[in-house]
PDB file of N, CA and C in Angstrom:
ATOM      1  N   MET A   1      53.662 -38.859 -25.724  1.00  0.00           N
ATOM      2  CA  MET A   1      53.761 -38.469 -27.200  1.00  0.00           C
ATOM      3  C   MET A   1      54.677 -39.388 -27.643  1.00  0.00           C
ATOM      4  N   ASP A   2      54.265 -40.265 -28.811  1.00  0.00           N
ATOM      5  CA  ASP A   2      55.039 -41.170 -29.237  1.00  0.00           C
ATOM      6  C   ASP A   2      56.207 -40.932 -29.967  1.00  0.00           C
ATOM      7  N   LYS A   3      56.008 -39.925 -30.963  1.00  0.00           N
ATOM      8  CA  LYS A   3      57.114 -39.290 -31.688  1.00  0.00           C
ATOM      9  C   LYS A   3      56.993 -37.819 -31.721  1.00  0.00           C
ATOM     10  N   PRO A   4      58.386 -37.271 -32.097  1.00  0.00           N
ATOM     11  CA  PRO A   4      58.292 -35.903 -32.334  1.00  0.00           C
ATOM     12  C   PRO A   4      57.591 -35.298 -33.322  1.00  0.00           C
ATOM     13  N   ILE A   5      57.065 -34.124 -33.332  1.00  0.00           N
ATOM     14  CA  ILE A   5      56.128 -33.580 -34.194  1.00  0.00           C
ATOM     15  C   ILE A   5      57.086 -32.623 -35.362  1.00  0.00           C
ATOM     16  N   ASN A   6      57.222 -32.851 -36.605  1.00  0.00           N
ATOM     17  CA  ASN A   6      57.790 -31.798 -37.463  1.00  0.00           C
ATOM     18  C   ASN A   6      56.608 -31.481 -38.461  1.00  0.00           C
ATOM     19  N   HIS A   7      56.605 -30.659 -39.218  1.00  0.00           N
ATOM     20  CA  HIS A   7      55.860 -30.223 -40.354  1.00  0.00           C
ATOM     21  C   HIS A   7      56.642 -29.798 -41.416  1.00  0.00           C
ATOM     22  N   VAL A   8      56.786 -30.398 -42.530  1.00  0.00           N
ATOM     23  CA  VAL A   8      57.447 -30.201 -43.640  1.00  0.00           C
ATOM     24  C   VAL A   8      56.222 -30.382 -44.957  1.00  0.00           C
ATOM     25  N   HIS A   9      56.067 -29.016 -45.238  1.00  0.00           N
ATOM     26  CA  HIS A   9      55.119 -28.716 -46.529  1.00  0.00           C
ATOM     27  C   HIS A   9      55.321 -29.568 -47.529  1.00  0.00           C
ATOM     28  N   PRO A  10      54.301 -30.076 -48.157  1.00  0.00           N
ATOM     29  CA  PRO A  10      54.447 -30.934 -49.564  1.00  0.00           C
ATOM     30  C   PRO A  10      54.981 -30.211 -50.538  1.00  0.00           C
ATOM     31  N   ALA A  11      54.781 -28.877 -50.828  1.00  0.00           N
ATOM     32  CA  ALA A  11      55.568 -28.094 -51.624  1.00  0.00           C
ATOM     33  C   ALA A  11      56.998 -27.828 -51.395  1.00  0.00           C
ATOM     34  N   ALA A  12      57.361 -28.076 -50.311  1.00  0.00           N
ATOM     35  CA  ALA A  12      58.949 -28.034 -50.066  1.00  0.00           C
ATOM     36  C   ALA A  12      59.892 -28.993 -50.613  1.00  0.00           C
ATOM     37  N   THR A  13      61.027 -28.611 -51.138  1.00  0.00           N
ATOM     38  CA  THR A  13      61.896 -29.509 -51.654  1.00  0.00           C
ATOM     39  C   THR A  13      63.127 -29.578 -50.711  1.00  0.00           C
ATOM     40  N   ILE A  14      63.442 -31.137 -50.245  1.00  0.00           N
ATOM     41  CA  ILE A  14      64.540 -31.453 -49.409  1.00  0.00           C
ATOM     42  C   ILE A  14      65.504 -32.443 -50.132  1.00  0.00           C
ATOM     43  N   GLY A  15      66.646 -31.730 -50.047  1.00  0.00           N
ATOM     44  CA  GLY A  15      67.848 -32.600 -50.869  1.00  0.00           C
ATOM     45  C   GLY A  15      68.316 -33.785 -50.013  1.00  0.00           C
ATOM     46  N   GLU A  16      69.164 -34.561 -50.620  1.00  0.00           N
ATOM     47  CA  GLU A  16      69.582 -35.621 -50.218  1.00  0.00           C
ATOM     48  C   GLU A  16      70.420 -35.547 -48.978  1.00  0.00           C
ATOM     49  N   ASN A  17      70.266 -36.339 -48.076  1.00  0.00           N
ATOM     50  CA  ASN A  17      71.080 -36.533 -46.794  1.00  0.00           C
ATOM     51  C   ASN A  17      70.911 -35.459 -45.771  1.00  0.00           C
ATOM     52  N   CYS A  18      69.550 -34.792 -45.733  1.00  0.00           N
ATOM     53  CA  CYS A  18      69.386 -33.836 -45.038  1.00  0.00           C
ATOM     54  C   CYS A  18      68.993 -34.299 -43.849  1.00  0.00           C
ATOM     55  N   ARG A  19      69.263 -33.600 -42.644  1.00  0.00           N
ATOM     56  CA  ARG A  19      68.940 -34.019 -41.295  1.00  0.00           C
ATOM     57  C   ARG A  19      68.217 -32.969 -40.699  1.00  0.00           C
ATOM     58  N   ILE A  20      66.962 -33.192 -40.261  1.00  0.00           N
ATOM     59  CA  ILE A  20      65.963 -32.280 -39.590  1.00  0.00           C
ATOM     60  C   ILE A  20      65.520 -32.831 -38.285  1.00  0.00           C
ATOM     61  N   ALA A  21      65.820 -32.061 -37.220  1.00  0.00           N
ATOM     62  CA  ALA A  21      65.508 -32.324 -35.805  1.00  0.00           C
ATOM     63  C   ALA A  21      64.047 -32.146 -35.643  1.00  0.00           C
ATOM     64  N   TRP A  22      63.735 -32.350 -34.340  1.00  0.00           N
ATOM     65  CA  TRP A  22      62.418 -32.406 -33.593  1.00  0.00           C
ATOM     66  C   TRP A  22      61.830 -31.123 -33.728  1.00  0.00           C
ATOM     67  N   PHE A  23      60.565 -30.972 -33.675  1.00  0.00           N
ATOM     68  CA  PHE A  23      59.718 -29.700 -33.684  1.00  0.00           C
ATOM     69  C   PHE A  23      59.908 -28.490 -34.710  1.00  0.00           C
ATOM     70  N   THR A  24      60.463 -29.007 -36.004  1.00  0.00           N
ATOM     71  CA  THR A  24      60.788 -27.986 -36.908  1.00  0.00           C
ATOM     72  C   THR A  24      59.491 -27.856 -38.006  1.00  0.00           C
ATOM     73  N   VAL A  25      59.440 -26.690 -38.410  1.00  0.00           N
ATOM     74  CA  VAL A  25      58.376 -26.261 -39.420  1.00  0.00           C
ATOM     75  C   VAL A  25      59.075 -25.769 -40.524  1.00  0.00           C
ATOM     76  N   ILE A  26      58.902 -26.378 -41.652  1.00  0.00           N
ATOM     77  CA  ILE A  26      59.312 -25.941 -43.164  1.00  0.00           C
ATOM     78  C   ILE A  26      58.296 -25.610 -43.956  1.00  0.00           C
ATOM     79  N   MET A  27      57.986 -24.467 -44.283  1.00  0.00           N
ATOM     80  CA  MET A  27      56.772 -24.055 -45.146  1.00  0.00           C
ATOM     81  C   MET A  27      56.919 -24.241 -46.527  1.00  0.00           C
ATOM     82  N   GLU A  28      55.949 -23.721 -47.337  1.00  0.00           N
ATOM     83  CA  GLU A  28      55.836 -24.067 -48.858  1.00  0.00           C
ATOM     84  C   GLU A  28      56.901 -23.391 -49.616  1.00  0.00           C
ATOM     85  N   HIS A  29      57.199 -24.009 -50.516  1.00  0.00           N
ATOM     86  CA  HIS A  29      58.444 -23.280 -51.634  1.00  0.00           C
ATOM     87  C   HIS A  29      59.668 -23.319 -50.990  1.00  0.00           C
ATOM     88  N   VAL A  30      59.824 -23.800 -49.644  1.00  0.00           N
ATOM     89  CA  VAL A  30      61.354 -23.631 -49.181  1.00  0.00           C
ATOM     90  C   VAL A  30      62.067 -24.906 -50.039  1.00  0.00           C
ATOM     91  N   CYS A  31      63.408 -24.553 -50.128  1.00  0.00           N
ATOM     92  CA  CYS A  31      64.354 -25.503 -50.924  1.00  0.00           C
ATOM     93  C   CYS A  31      65.400 -25.777 -50.002  1.00  0.00           C
ATOM     94  N   LEU A  32      65.815 -26.897 -49.374  1.00  0.00           N
ATOM     95  CA  LEU A  32      67.099 -27.042 -48.822  1.00  0.00           C
ATOM     96  C   LEU A  32      67.713 -28.219 -49.782  1.00  0.00           C
ATOM     97  N   GLY A  33      69.062 -27.669 -49.902  1.00  0.00           N
ATOM     98  CA  GLY A  33      69.979 -28.303 -50.720  1.00  0.00           C
ATOM     99  C   GLY A  33      70.553 -29.670 -49.921  1.00  0.00           C
ATOM    100  N   GLN A  34      71.544 -30.370 -50.726  1.00  0.00           N
ATOM    101  CA  GLN A  34      71.897 -31.653 -50.108  1.00  0.00           C
ATOM    102  C   GLN A  34      72.913 -31.220 -48.667  1.00  0.00           C
ATOM    103  N   ASP A  35      72.715 -32.653 -47.939  1.00  0.00           N
ATOM    104  CA  ASP A  35      73.547 -32.240 -46.601  1.00  0.00           C
ATOM    105  C   ASP A  35      73.223 -31.407 -45.805  1.00  0.00           C
ATOM    106  N   VAL A  36      71.836 -30.942 -45.883  1.00  0.00           N
ATOM    107  CA  VAL A  36      71.451 -29.610 -44.887  1.00  0.00           C
ATOM    108  C   VAL A  36      71.215 -30.071 -43.469  1.00  0.00           C
ATOM    109  N   THR A  37      71.823 -29.703 -42.630  1.00  0.00           N
ATOM    110  CA  THR A  37      71.108 -30.064 -41.198  1.00  0.00           C
ATOM    111  C   THR A  37      70.518 -28.861 -40.436  1.00  0.00           C
ATOM    112  N   VAL A  38      69.341 -29.264 -39.951  1.00  0.00           N
ATOM    113  CA  VAL A  38      68.471 -28.222 -39.374  1.00  0.00           C
ATOM    114  C   VAL A  38      68.342 -28.560 -37.968  1.00  0.00           C
ATOM    115  N   GLY A  39      68.420 -27.805 -36.849  1.00  0.00           N
ATOM    116  CA  GLY A  39      68.317 -28.035 -35.554  1.00  0.00           C
ATOM    117  C   GLY A  39      66.926 -28.391 -34.848  1.00  0.00           C
ATOM    118  N   HIS A  40      66.648 -28.480 -33.795  1.00  0.00           N
ATOM    119  CA  HIS A  40      65.483 -28.314 -33.095  1.00  0.00           C
ATOM    120  C   HIS A  40      64.667 -27.086 -33.069  1.00  0.00           C
ATOM    121  N   ASN A  41      63.303 -27.058 -33.093  1.00  0.00           N
ATOM    122  CA  ASN A  41      62.615 -26.002 -33.185  1.00  0.00           C
ATOM    123  C   ASN A  41      62.903 -24.887 -34.114  1.00  0.00           C
ATOM    124  N   VAL A  42      63.132 -25.165 -35.395  1.00  0.00           N
ATOM    125  CA  VAL A  42      63.331 -24.250 -36.184  1.00  0.00           C
ATOM    126  C   VAL A  42      62.153 -23.847 -37.317  1.00  0.00           C
ATOM    127  N   THR A  43      62.224 -22.703 -37.496  1.00  0.00           N
ATOM    128  CA  THR A  43      60.919 -22.361 -38.592  1.00  0.00           C
ATOM    129  C   THR A  43      61.540 -21.961 -39.690  1.00  0.00           C
ATOM    130  N   ILE A  44      61.232 -22.306 -41.035  1.00  0.00           N
ATOM    131  CA  ILE A  44      61.776 -21.817 -42.153  1.00  0.00           C
ATOM    132  C   ILE A  44      60.521 -21.362 -43.067  1.00  0.00           C
ATOM    133  N   TYR A  45      60.491 -20.085 -43.241  1.00  0.00           N
ATOM    134  CA  TYR A  45      59.454 -19.412 -43.833  1.00  0.00           C
ATOM    135  C   TYR A  45      59.511 -19.803 -45.498  1.00  0.00           C
ATOM    136  N   PRO A  46      58.213 -19.613 -45.979  1.00  0.00           N
ATOM    137  CA  PRO A  46      57.975 -19.760 -47.611  1.00  0.00           C
ATOM    138  C   PRO A  46      58.968 -19.156 -48.487  1.00  0.00           C
ATOM    139  N   GLY A  47      59.477 -19.814 -49.420  1.00  0.00           N
ATOM    140  CA  GLY A  47      60.511 -19.481 -50.500  1.00  0.00           C
ATOM    141  C   GLY A  47      61.713 -19.193 -49.838  1.00  0.00           C
ATOM    142  N   THR A  48      62.402 -19.517 -48.827  1.00  0.00           N
ATOM    143  CA  THR A  48      63.722 -19.577 -48.259  1.00  0.00           C
ATOM    144  C   THR A  48      64.463 -20.747 -48.992  1.00  0.00           C
ATOM    145  N   VAL A  49      65.787 -20.495 -49.235  1.00  0.00           N
ATOM    146  CA  VAL A  49      66.624 -21.271 -50.036  1.00  0.00           C
ATOM    147  C   VAL A  49      67.615 -21.593 -49.091  1.00  0.00           C
ATOM    148  N   LEU A  50      68.199 -22.687 -48.889  1.00  0.00           N
ATOM    149  CA  LEU A  50      69.686 -23.140 -48.163  1.00  0.00           C
ATOM    150  C   LEU A  50      70.208 -23.879 -49.010  1.00  0.00           C
ATOM    151  N   GLY A  51      71.390 -23.378 -49.353  1.00  0.00           N
ATOM    152  CA  GLY A  51      72.468 -24.162 -50.207  1.00  0.00           C
ATOM    153  C   GLY A  51      72.843 -25.215 -49.657  1.00  0.00           C
ATOM    154  N   ASP A  52      73.799 -26.152 -50.448  1.00  0.00           N
ATOM    155  CA  ASP A  52      74.360 -27.636 -49.892  1.00  0.00           C
ATOM    156  C   ASP A  52      75.118 -27.140 -48.737  1.00  0.00           C
ATOM    157  N   GLY A  53      75.034 -28.077 -47.674  1.00  0.00           N
ATOM    158  CA  GLY A  53      75.921 -28.317 -46.660  1.00  0.00           C
ATOM    159  C   GLY A  53      75.718 -27.258 -45.492  1.00  0.00           C
ATOM    160  N   VAL A  54      74.574 -26.467 -45.605  1.00  0.00           N
ATOM    161  CA  VAL A  54      74.136 -25.722 -44.613  1.00  0.00           C
ATOM    162  C   VAL A  54      73.664 -26.050 -43.348  1.00  0.00           C
ATOM    163  N   THR A  55      74.102 -25.551 -42.168  1.00  0.00           N
ATOM    164  CA  THR A  55      73.915 -25.992 -40.877  1.00  0.00           C
ATOM    165  C   THR A  55      73.017 -25.023 -40.193  1.00  0.00           C
ATOM    166  N   VAL A  56      71.712 -25.292 -39.619  1.00  0.00           N
ATOM    167  CA  VAL A  56      70.965 -24.315 -38.928  1.00  0.00           C
ATOM    168  C   VAL A  56      70.933 -24.867 -37.477  1.00  0.00           C
ATOM    169  N   GLY A  57      71.263 -23.736 -36.622  1.00  0.00           N
ATOM    170  CA  GLY A  57      71.341 -24.241 -34.888  1.00  0.00           C
ATOM    171  C   GLY A  57      69.812 -24.139 -34.546  1.00  0.00           C
ATOM    172  N   ASP A  58      69.798 -24.669 -33.331  1.00  0.00           N
ATOM    173  CA  ASP A  58      68.525 -24.854 -32.698  1.00  0.00           C
ATOM    174  C   ASP A  58      67.817 -23.430 -32.446  1.00  0.00           C
ATOM    175  N   ASN A  59      66.551 -23.500 -32.256  1.00  0.00           N
ATOM    176  CA  ASN A  59      65.349 -22.376 -32.189  1.00  0.00           C
ATOM    177  C   ASN A  59      65.804 -21.050 -33.182  1.00  0.00           C
ATOM    178  N   SER A  60      66.002 -21.475 -34.232  1.00  0.00           N
ATOM    179  CA  SER A  60      66.342 -20.470 -35.191  1.00  0.00           C
ATOM    180  C   SER A  60      64.959 -20.081 -36.108  1.00  0.00           C
ATOM    181  N   VAL A  61      64.737 -18.951 -36.740  1.00  0.00           N
ATOM    182  CA  VAL A  61      63.677 -18.336 -37.616  1.00  0.00           C
ATOM    183  C   VAL A  61      64.455 -17.922 -38.663  1.00  0.00           C
ATOM    184  N   LEU A  62      64.037 -18.416 -40.089  1.00  0.00           N
ATOM    185  CA  LEU A  62      64.622 -17.994 -41.186  1.00  0.00           C
ATOM    186  C   LEU A  62      63.605 -17.684 -42.315  1.00  0.00           C
ATOM    187  N   GLY A  63      63.827 -16.398 -42.907  1.00  0.00           N
ATOM    188  CA  GLY A  63      62.986 -16.008 -43.834  1.00  0.00           C
ATOM    189  C   GLY A  63      61.625 -15.158 -43.735  1.00  0.00           C
ATOM    190  N   LYS A  64      61.304 -14.929 -42.419  1.00  0.00           N
ATOM    191  CA  LYS A  64      60.047 -14.294 -42.146  1.00  0.00           C
ATOM    192  C   LYS A  64      60.247 -12.952 -42.664  1.00  0.00           C
ATOM    193  N   GLN A  65      58.999 -12.592 -43.312  1.00  0.00           N
ATOM    194  CA  GLN A  65      58.943 -11.109 -43.874  1.00  0.00           C
ATOM    195  C   GLN A  65      58.868 -10.212 -42.691  1.00  0.00           C
ATOM    196  N   PRO A  66      59.567  -9.059 -42.795  1.00  0.00           N
ATOM    197  CA  PRO A  66      59.414  -8.134 -41.692  1.00  0.00           C
ATOM    198  C   PRO A  66      57.981  -7.229 -41.637  1.00  0.00           C
ATOM    199  N   LYS A  67      57.754  -6.778 -40.690  1.00  0.00           N
ATOM    200  CA  LYS A  67      56.645  -6.256 -40.764  1.00  0.00           C
ATOM    201  C   LYS A  67      56.585  -4.831 -39.617  1.00  0.00           C
ATOM    202  N   PRO A  68      57.014  -3.786 -40.364  1.00  0.00           N
ATOM    203  CA  PRO A  68      57.435  -2.357 -39.811  1.00  0.00           C
ATOM    204  C   PRO A  68      55.996  -1.984 -38.970  1.00  0.00           C
ATOM    205  N   ALA A  69      56.096  -1.192 -37.882  1.00  0.00           N
ATOM    206  CA  ALA A  69      55.118  -0.521 -37.121  1.00  0.00           C
ATOM    207  C   ALA A  69      54.483   0.543 -37.949  1.00  0.00           C
ATOM    208  N   LYS A  70      53.065   0.686 -37.824  1.00  0.00           N
ATOM    209  CA  LYS A  70      52.236   1.651 -38.437  1.00  0.00           C
ATOM    210  C   LYS A  70      53.017   2.986 -38.425  1.00  0.00           C
ATOM    211  N   THR A  71      53.695   3.297 -37.230  1.00  0.00           N
ATOM    212  CA  THR A  71      54.275   4.571 -37.043  1.00  0.00           C
ATOM    213  C   THR A  71      55.743   4.563 -37.648  1.00  0.00           C
ATOM    214  N   SER A  72      56.205   3.510 -38.157  1.00  0.00           N
ATOM    215  CA  SER A  72      57.626   3.463 -38.721  1.00  0.00           C
ATOM    216  C   SER A  72      57.649   4.326 -39.995  1.00  0.00           C
ATOM    217  N   THR A  73      58.710   4.948 -40.096  1.00  0.00           N
ATOM    218  CA  THR A  73      58.962   5.635 -41.302  1.00  0.00           C
ATOM    219  C   THR A  73      59.376   4.885 -42.364  1.00  0.00           C
ATOM    220  N   VAL A  74      59.706   3.520 -42.375  1.00  0.00           N
ATOM    221  CA  VAL A  74      60.062   2.272 -43.280  1.00  0.00           C
ATOM    222  C   VAL A  74      58.725   1.963 -43.765  1.00  0.00           C
ATOM    223  N   LYS A  75      58.634   1.873 -45.062  1.00  0.00           N
ATOM    224  CA  LYS A  75      57.446   1.479 -45.638  1.00  0.00           C
ATOM    225  C   LYS A  75      57.658   0.287 -46.579  1.00  0.00           C
ATOM    226  N   ILE A  76      56.940  -0.693 -46.634  1.00  0.00           N
ATOM    227  CA  ILE A  76      57.336  -1.934 -47.452  1.00  0.00           C
ATOM    228  C   ILE A  76      56.085  -2.202 -48.267  1.00  0.00           C
ATOM    229  N   GLU A  77      56.116  -2.357 -49.689  1.00  0.00           N
ATOM    230  CA  GLU A  77      55.150  -2.525 -50.572  1.00  0.00           C
ATOM    231  C   GLU A  77      55.232  -3.983 -51.027  1.00  0.00           C
ATOM    232  N   GLY A  78      54.289  -4.611 -50.651  1.00  0.00           N
ATOM    233  CA  GLY A  78      54.256  -5.956 -51.204  1.00  0.00           C
ATOM    234  C   GLY A  78      55.339  -6.808 -50.483  1.00  0.00           C
ATOM    235  N   GLU A  79      55.594  -8.094 -51.046  1.00  0.00           N
ATOM    236  CA  GLU A  79      56.429  -8.963 -50.373  1.00  0.00           C
ATOM    237  C   GLU A  79      57.981  -8.584 -50.892  1.00  0.00           C
ATOM    238  N   LEU A  80      58.902  -9.130 -49.861  1.00  0.00           N
ATOM    239  CA  LEU A  80      60.158  -8.776 -50.355  1.00  0.00           C
ATOM    240  C   LEU A  80      60.763 -10.137 -50.985  1.00  0.00           C
ATOM    241  N   PRO A  81      61.840 -10.061 -51.467  1.00  0.00           N
ATOM    242  CA  PRO A  81      62.587 -11.356 -52.126  1.00  0.00           C
ATOM    243  C   PRO A  81      62.656 -12.241 -50.935  1.00  0.00           C
ATOM    244  N   PRO A  82      62.614 -13.728 -51.198  1.00  0.00           N
ATOM    245  CA  PRO A  82      63.093 -14.563 -50.194  1.00  0.00           C
ATOM    246  C   PRO A  82      64.548 -14.544 -49.619  1.00  0.00           C
ATOM    247  N   LEU A  83      64.682 -15.063 -48.627  1.00  0.00           N
ATOM    248  CA  LEU A  83      66.077 -15.383 -47.776  1.00  0.00           C
ATOM    249  C   LEU A  83      66.816 -16.612 -48.789  1.00  0.00           C
ATOM    250  N   VAL A  84      68.098 -16.064 -48.943  1.00  0.00           N
ATOM    251  CA  VAL A  84      69.022 -17.117 -49.769  1.00  0.00           C
ATOM    252  C   VAL A  84      70.048 -17.296 -48.940  1.00  0.00           C
ATOM    253  N   ILE A  85      70.446 -18.610 -48.739  1.00  0.00           N
ATOM    254  CA  ILE A  85      71.806 -18.729 -47.884  1.00  0.00           C
ATOM    255  C   ILE A  85      72.506 -19.824 -48.595  1.00  0.00           C
ATOM    256  N   GLY A  86      73.857 -19.294 -48.949  1.00  0.00           N
ATOM    257  CA  GLY A  86      75.076 -20.084 -49.558  1.00  0.00           C
ATOM    258  C   GLY A  86      75.248 -21.235 -48.952  1.00  0.00           C
ATOM    259  N   ALA A  87      76.111 -22.041 -49.831  1.00  0.00           N
ATOM    260  CA  ALA A  87      76.661 -23.187 -49.371  1.00  0.00           C
ATOM    261  C   ALA A  87      77.438 -23.212 -48.287  1.00  0.00           C
ATOM    262  N   ASN A  88      77.436 -24.194 -47.351  1.00  0.00           N
ATOM    263  CA  ASN A  88      78.249 -24.491 -46.203  1.00  0.00           C
ATOM    264  C   ASN A  88      78.417 -23.361 -45.166  1.00  0.00           C
ATOM    265  N   THR A  89      77.329 -22.750 -45.323  1.00  0.00           N
ATOM    266  CA  THR A  89      77.123 -21.582 -44.076  1.00  0.00           C
ATOM    267  C   THR A  89      76.729 -22.154 -42.875  1.00  0.00           C
ATOM    268  N   ILE A  90      77.016 -21.669 -41.653  1.00  0.00           N
ATOM    269  CA  ILE A  90      76.667 -22.016 -40.651  1.00  0.00           C
ATOM    270  C   ILE A  90      75.706 -21.009 -39.642  1.00  0.00           C
ATOM    271  N   ILE A  91      74.661 -21.353 -39.516  1.00  0.00           N
ATOM    272  CA  ILE A  91      73.635 -20.520 -38.660  1.00  0.00           C
ATOM    273  C   ILE A  91      73.575 -20.694 -37.263  1.00  0.00           C
ATOM    274  N   GLY A  92      74.035 -19.881 -36.555  1.00  0.00           N
ATOM    275  CA  GLY A  92      73.970 -20.223 -35.162  1.00  0.00           C
ATOM    276  C   GLY A  92      72.634 -20.416 -34.482  1.00  0.00           C
ATOM    277  N   THR A  93      72.915 -21.049 -32.975  1.00  0.00           N
ATOM    278  CA  THR A  93      71.759 -21.046 -32.376  1.00  0.00           C
ATOM    279  C   THR A  93      70.902 -19.902 -32.080  1.00  0.00           C
ATOM    280  N   GLY A  94      69.616 -19.896 -32.167  1.00  0.00           N
ATOM    281  CA  GLY A  94      68.804 -18.716 -31.815  1.00  0.00           C
ATOM    282  C   GLY A  94      68.631 -17.705 -33.001  1.00  0.00           C
ATOM    283  N   ALA A  95      69.218 -17.888 -34.165  1.00  0.00           N
ATOM    284  CA  ALA A  95      69.308 -16.774 -35.218  1.00  0.00           C
ATOM    285  C   ALA A  95      68.081 -16.627 -35.816  1.00  0.00           C
ATOM    286  N   VAL A  96      67.705 -14.948 -36.173  1.00  0.00           N
ATOM    287  CA  VAL A  96      66.725 -14.828 -36.528  1.00  0.00           C
ATOM    288  C   VAL A  96      67.162 -13.966 -37.956  1.00  0.00           C
ATOM    289  N   LEU A  97      66.953 -14.547 -39.024  1.00  0.00           N
ATOM    290  CA  LEU A  97      67.383 -14.039 -40.436  1.00  0.00           C
ATOM    291  C   LEU A  97      66.023 -13.718 -41.278  1.00  0.00           C
ATOM    292  N   PRO A  98      65.630 -12.511 -41.266  1.00  0.00           N
ATOM    293  CA  PRO A  98      64.428 -11.956 -42.103  1.00  0.00           C
ATOM    294  C   PRO A  98      64.778 -12.113 -43.559  1.00  0.00           C
ATOM    295  N   SER A  99      63.700 -12.172 -44.073  1.00  0.00           N
ATOM    296  CA  SER A  99      63.700 -12.119 -45.739  1.00  0.00           C
ATOM    297  C   SER A  99      64.049 -10.473 -45.727  1.00  0.00           C
ATOM    298  N   PRO A 100      64.772 -10.149 -46.675  1.00  0.00           N
ATOM    299  CA  PRO A 100      65.450 -10.581 -47.824  1.00  0.00           C
ATOM    300  C   PRO A 100      66.905 -10.827 -47.479  1.00  0.00           C
ATOM    301  N   CYS A 101      67.520 -11.212 -46.406  1.00  0.00           N
ATOM    302  CA  CYS A 101      69.034 -11.293 -46.324  1.00  0.00           C
ATOM    303  C   CYS A 101      69.449 -12.145 -47.497  1.00  0.00           C
ATOM    304  N   ARG A 102      70.669 -12.056 -47.670  1.00  0.00           N
ATOM    305  CA  ARG A 102      71.507 -12.871 -48.357  1.00  0.00           C
ATOM    306  C   ARG A 102      72.797 -13.167 -48.080  1.00  0.00           C
ATOM    307  N   GLU A 103      73.270 -14.394 -47.993  1.00  0.00           N
ATOM    308  CA  GLU A 103      74.683 -14.754 -47.820  1.00  0.00           C
ATOM    309  C   GLU A 103      75.609 -14.546 -48.799  1.00  0.00           C
TER     310      GLU A 103
END
């Protein structure tokens, strides 16, 4: 392998001075503010917004829509609002923050 593989969807918005580590997937309509740092092997799902100065630790999953089991008493109709993380937040290694968490 000559160089590490990242995937940044063309419809994602990446602010100035962002640092994105290896093996990261940034899906459509994601918005990263300025000076955001994203660790290795991170997946950021559609519509997620990270404010300026956010740091995301390695192996994190952000903004995935939850899928309740068929037998669950929780019923979700349609899609939930996207994940929004405010400025200067630190998200630790291995974090899983589903949509619609808000900081």
